[in-house]
C-alpha atoms as a PDB file:
ATOM      1  CA  MET A   1       0.000   0.000   0.000  1.00  0.00           C
ATOM      2  CA  ASP A   2       2.797   2.365   0.859  1.00  0.00           C
ATOM      3  CA  GLN A   3       4.409   1.872  -2.530  1.00  0.00           C
ATOM      4  CA  THR A   4       1.114   2.590  -4.317  1.00  0.00           C
ATOM      5  CA  ASN A   5       0.655   5.844  -2.419  1.00  0.00           C
ATOM      6  CA  SER A   6       4.241   6.832  -3.203  1.00  0.00           C
ATOM      7  CA  SER A   7       3.679   6.050  -6.860  1.00  0.00           C
ATOM      8  CA  GLU A   8       0.444   8.045  -6.929  1.00  0.00           C
ATOM      9  CA  SER A   9       2.051  11.003  -5.217  1.00  0.00           C
ATOM     10  CA  LEU A  10       4.921  10.867  -7.692  1.00  0.00           C
ATOM     11  CA  THR A  11       2.465  10.896 -10.595  1.00  0.00           C
ATOM     12  CA  ALA A  12       0.527  13.753  -9.046  1.00  0.00           C
ATOM     13  CA  GLY A  13       3.784  15.602  -8.455  1.00  0.00           C
ATOM     14  CA  ASN A  14       4.709  15.178 -12.111  1.00  0.00           C
ATOM     15  CA  ARG A  15       1.351  16.581 -13.180  1.00  0.00           C
ATOM     16  CA  THR A  16       1.843  19.593 -10.968  1.00  0.00           C
ATOM     17  CA  SER A  17       5.362  20.030 -12.285  1.00  0.00           C
ATOM     18  CA  SER A  18       4.145  19.794 -15.874  1.00  0.00           C
ATOM     19  CA  PHE A  19       1.378  22.301 -15.205  1.00  0.00           C
ATOM     20  CA  GLY A  20       3.840  24.608 -13.494  1.00  0.00           C
ATOM     21  CA  SER A  21       6.125  24.544 -16.509  1.00  0.00           C
ATOM     22  CA  GLN A  22       3.236  25.482 -18.805  1.00  0.00           C
ATOM     23  CA  THR A  23       2.468  28.461 -16.601  1.00  0.00           C
ATOM     24  CA  SER A  24       6.148  29.301 -16.517  1.00  0.00           C
ATOM     25  CA  GLY A  25       6.314  29.081 -20.313  1.00  0.00           C
ATOM     26  CA  ALA A  26       3.443  31.534 -20.676  1.00  0.00           C
ATOM     27  CA  SER A  27       5.011  33.968 -18.226  1.00  0.00           C
ATOM     28  CA  THR A  28       8.365  33.586 -20.002  1.00  0.00           C
ATOM     29  CA  LEU A  29       6.689  34.465 -23.294  1.00  0.00           C
ATOM     30  CA  ASP A  30       5.033  37.480 -21.681  1.00  0.00           C
ATOM     31  CA  THR A  31       8.380  38.567 -20.239  1.00  0.00           C
ATOM     32  CA  ILE A  32      10.052  38.249 -23.636  1.00  0.00           C
ATOM     33  CA  LYS A  33       7.220  40.162 -25.313  1.00  0.00           C
ATOM     34  CA  GLU A  34       7.493  42.982 -22.772  1.00  0.00           C
ATOM     35  CA  THR A  35      11.284  43.116 -23.080  1.00  0.00           C
ATOM     36  CA  VAL A  36      11.149  43.309 -26.883  1.00  0.00           C
ATOM     37  CA  ALA A  37       8.400  45.936 -26.767  1.00  0.00           C
ATOM     38  CA  ASP A  38      10.348  48.006 -24.231  1.00  0.00           C
ATOM     39  CA  LYS A  39      13.507  47.836 -26.377  1.00  0.00           C
ATOM     40  CA  LEU A  40      11.572  48.899 -29.490  1.00  0.00           C
ATOM     41  CA  HIS A  41      10.004  51.787 -27.600  1.00  0.00           C
ATOM     42  CA  ALA A  42      13.393  52.843 -26.198  1.00  0.00           C
ATOM     43  CA  ALA A  43      14.894  52.780 -29.707  1.00  0.00           C
ATOM     44  CA  ALA A  44      11.985  54.889 -30.986  1.00  0.00           C
ATOM     45  CA  SER A  45      12.508  57.409 -28.170  1.00  0.00           C
ATOM     46  CA  THR A  46      16.237  57.624 -28.895  1.00  0.00           C
ATOM     47  CA  ILE A  47      15.628  58.185 -32.609  1.00  0.00           C
ATOM     48  CA  GLN A  48      12.993  60.818 -31.822  1.00  0.00           C
ATOM     49  CA  GLN A  49      15.399  62.659 -29.487  1.00  0.00           C
ATOM     50  CA  LYS A  50      18.198  62.603 -32.055  1.00  0.00           C
ATOM     51  CA  ALA A  51      15.823  63.814 -34.767  1.00  0.00           C
ATOM     52  CA  GLY A  52      14.654  66.620 -32.463  1.00  0.00           C
ATOM     53  CA  GLN A  53      18.236  67.793 -31.970  1.00  0.00           C
ATOM     54  CA  ASN A  54      18.856  67.976 -35.742  1.00  0.00           C
ATOM     55  CA  ARG A  55      15.617  69.561 -36.983  1.00  0.00           C
ATOM     56  CA  GLU A  56      17.347  71.262 -39.917  1.00  0.00           C
ATOM     57  CA  SER A  57      18.569  67.954 -41.305  1.00  0.00           C
ATOM     58  CA  PRO A  58      16.504  66.468 -44.145  1.00  0.00           C
ATOM     59  CA  VAL A  59      16.874  63.085 -42.442  1.00  0.00           C
ATOM     60  CA  ALA A  60      14.913  64.292 -39.383  1.00  0.00           C
ATOM     61  CA  GLY A  61      11.562  63.670 -41.094  1.00  0.00           C
ATOM     62  CA  TYR A  62      12.531  60.117 -41.972  1.00  0.00           C
ATOM     63  CA  ALA A  63      13.829  59.559 -38.447  1.00  0.00           C
ATOM     64  CA  GLY A  64      10.501  60.680 -37.000  1.00  0.00           C
ATOM     65  CA  GLN A  65       8.667  58.307 -39.326  1.00  0.00           C
ATOM     66  CA  ALA A  66      10.960  55.429 -38.347  1.00  0.00           C
ATOM     67  CA  ALA A  67      10.385  56.226 -34.663  1.00  0.00           C
ATOM     68  CA  GLY A  68       6.635  56.068 -35.262  1.00  0.00           C
ATOM     69  CA  TRP A  69       6.993  52.687 -36.948  1.00  0.00           C
ATOM     70  CA  LEU A  70       9.048  51.381 -34.030  1.00  0.00           C
ATOM     71  CA  ASP A  71       6.408  52.574 -31.560  1.00  0.00           C
ATOM     72  CA  ASP A  72       3.711  50.850 -33.632  1.00  0.00           C
ATOM     73  CA  ALA A  73       5.800  47.669 -33.674  1.00  0.00           C
ATOM     74  CA  ALA A  74       6.214  47.853 -29.889  1.00  0.00           C
ATOM     75  CA  GLU A  75       2.439  48.076 -29.418  1.00  0.00           C
ATOM     76  CA  TYR A  76       1.888  45.182 -31.836  1.00  0.00           C
ATOM     77  CA  VAL A  77       4.376  43.009 -29.924  1.00  0.00           C
ATOM     78  CA  ARG A  78       2.618  43.809 -26.637  1.00  0.00           C
ATOM     79  CA  GLU A  79      -0.836  42.946 -27.998  1.00  0.00           C
ATOM     80  CA  VAL A  80      -0.089  39.986 -30.289  1.00  0.00           C
ATOM     81  CA  ASP A  81      -1.621  36.607 -29.433  1.00  0.00           C
ATOM     82  CA  PRO A  82       0.885  33.888 -30.406  1.00  0.00           C
ATOM     83  CA  GLN A  83      -1.821  31.208 -30.739  1.00  0.00           C
ATOM     84  CA  LYS A  84      -3.788  33.353 -33.204  1.00  0.00           C
ATOM     85  CA  VAL A  85      -0.655  34.068 -35.241  1.00  0.00           C
ATOM     86  CA  LYS A  86       0.145  30.351 -35.295  1.00  0.00           C
ATOM     87  CA  SER A  87      -3.340  29.408 -36.472  1.00  0.00           C
ATOM     88  CA  ASP A  88      -3.306  32.163 -39.126  1.00  0.00           C
ATOM     89  CA  ILE A  89       0.036  30.933 -40.479  1.00  0.00           C
ATOM     90  CA  GLN A  90      -1.169  27.319 -40.505  1.00  0.00           C
ATOM     91  CA  HIS A  91      -4.308  28.328 -42.395  1.00  0.00           C
ATOM     92  CA  GLN A  92      -2.284  30.346 -44.924  1.00  0.00           C
ATOM     93  CA  VAL A  93       0.178  27.502 -45.516  1.00  0.00           C
ATOM     94  CA  ARG A  94      -2.624  24.967 -45.968  1.00  0.00           C
ATOM     95  CA  SER A  95      -4.534  27.160 -48.415  1.00  0.00           C
ATOM     96  CA  ASN A  96      -1.454  28.330 -50.410  1.00  0.00           C
ATOM     97  CA  PRO A  97       1.402  25.821 -49.992  1.00  0.00           C
ATOM     98  CA  GLY A  98       3.300  26.899 -53.127  1.00  0.00           C
ATOM     99  CA  ARG A  99       3.286  30.586 -52.218  1.00  0.00           C
ATOM    100  CA  SER A 100       4.288  29.715 -48.647  1.00  0.00           C
ATOM    101  CA  LEU A 101       7.315  27.758 -49.890  1.00  0.00           C
ATOM    102  CA  ILE A 102       8.397  30.641 -52.131  1.00  0.00           C
ATOM    103  CA  VAL A 103       8.035  33.170 -49.292  1.00  0.00           C
ATOM    104  CA  ALA A 104       9.921  30.908 -46.859  1.00  0.00           C
ATOM    105  CA  GLY A 105      12.703  30.335 -49.413  1.00  0.00           C
ATOM    106  CA  ALA A 106      13.007  34.059 -50.162  1.00  0.00           C
ATOM    107  CA  ALA A 107      13.102  34.893 -46.452  1.00  0.00           C
ATOM    108  CA  GLY A 108      15.783  32.251 -45.872  1.00  0.00           C
ATOM    109  CA  LEU A 109      17.843  33.552 -48.784  1.00  0.00           C
ATOM    110  CA  LEU A 110      17.561  37.135 -47.533  1.00  0.00           C
ATOM    111  CA  LEU A 111      18.539  36.131 -43.989  1.00  0.00           C
ATOM    112  CA  GLY A 112      21.469  34.139 -45.356  1.00  0.00           C
ATOM    113  CA  ILE A 113      22.720  37.145 -47.311  1.00  0.00           C
ATOM    114  CA  LEU A 114      22.290  39.485 -44.335  1.00  0.00           C
ATOM    115  CA  LEU A 115      23.978  37.151 -41.868  1.00  0.00           C
ATOM    116  CA  ARG A 116      26.874  36.341 -44.190  1.00  0.00           C
ATOM    117  CA  ARG A 117      27.994  39.969 -44.299  1.00  0.00           C
END
């Protein structure tokens, strides 16, 4: 009887541990999302400050636009639902497999070129 109870408690402990890791995974994802969003927002603020210091420069307008895009990207990262993105990608790949392969190949080629330099 003692061995059965030990075995059951071990199994229950494993379930708790597994559940705990799922919760930890979700909080890790949230932490990563917040960190990325904060970094994007900080980069946007830095660009905006630099553009504000050089208002006469023709690049200042482009810098302000880039800062706006970075702020928009930061908000998107904060609000994105990874499960929805995953299901959208799966649906797109299933409905257009040829186009998906071409896009994935082009993205891989572009990343390869960028990382090689």
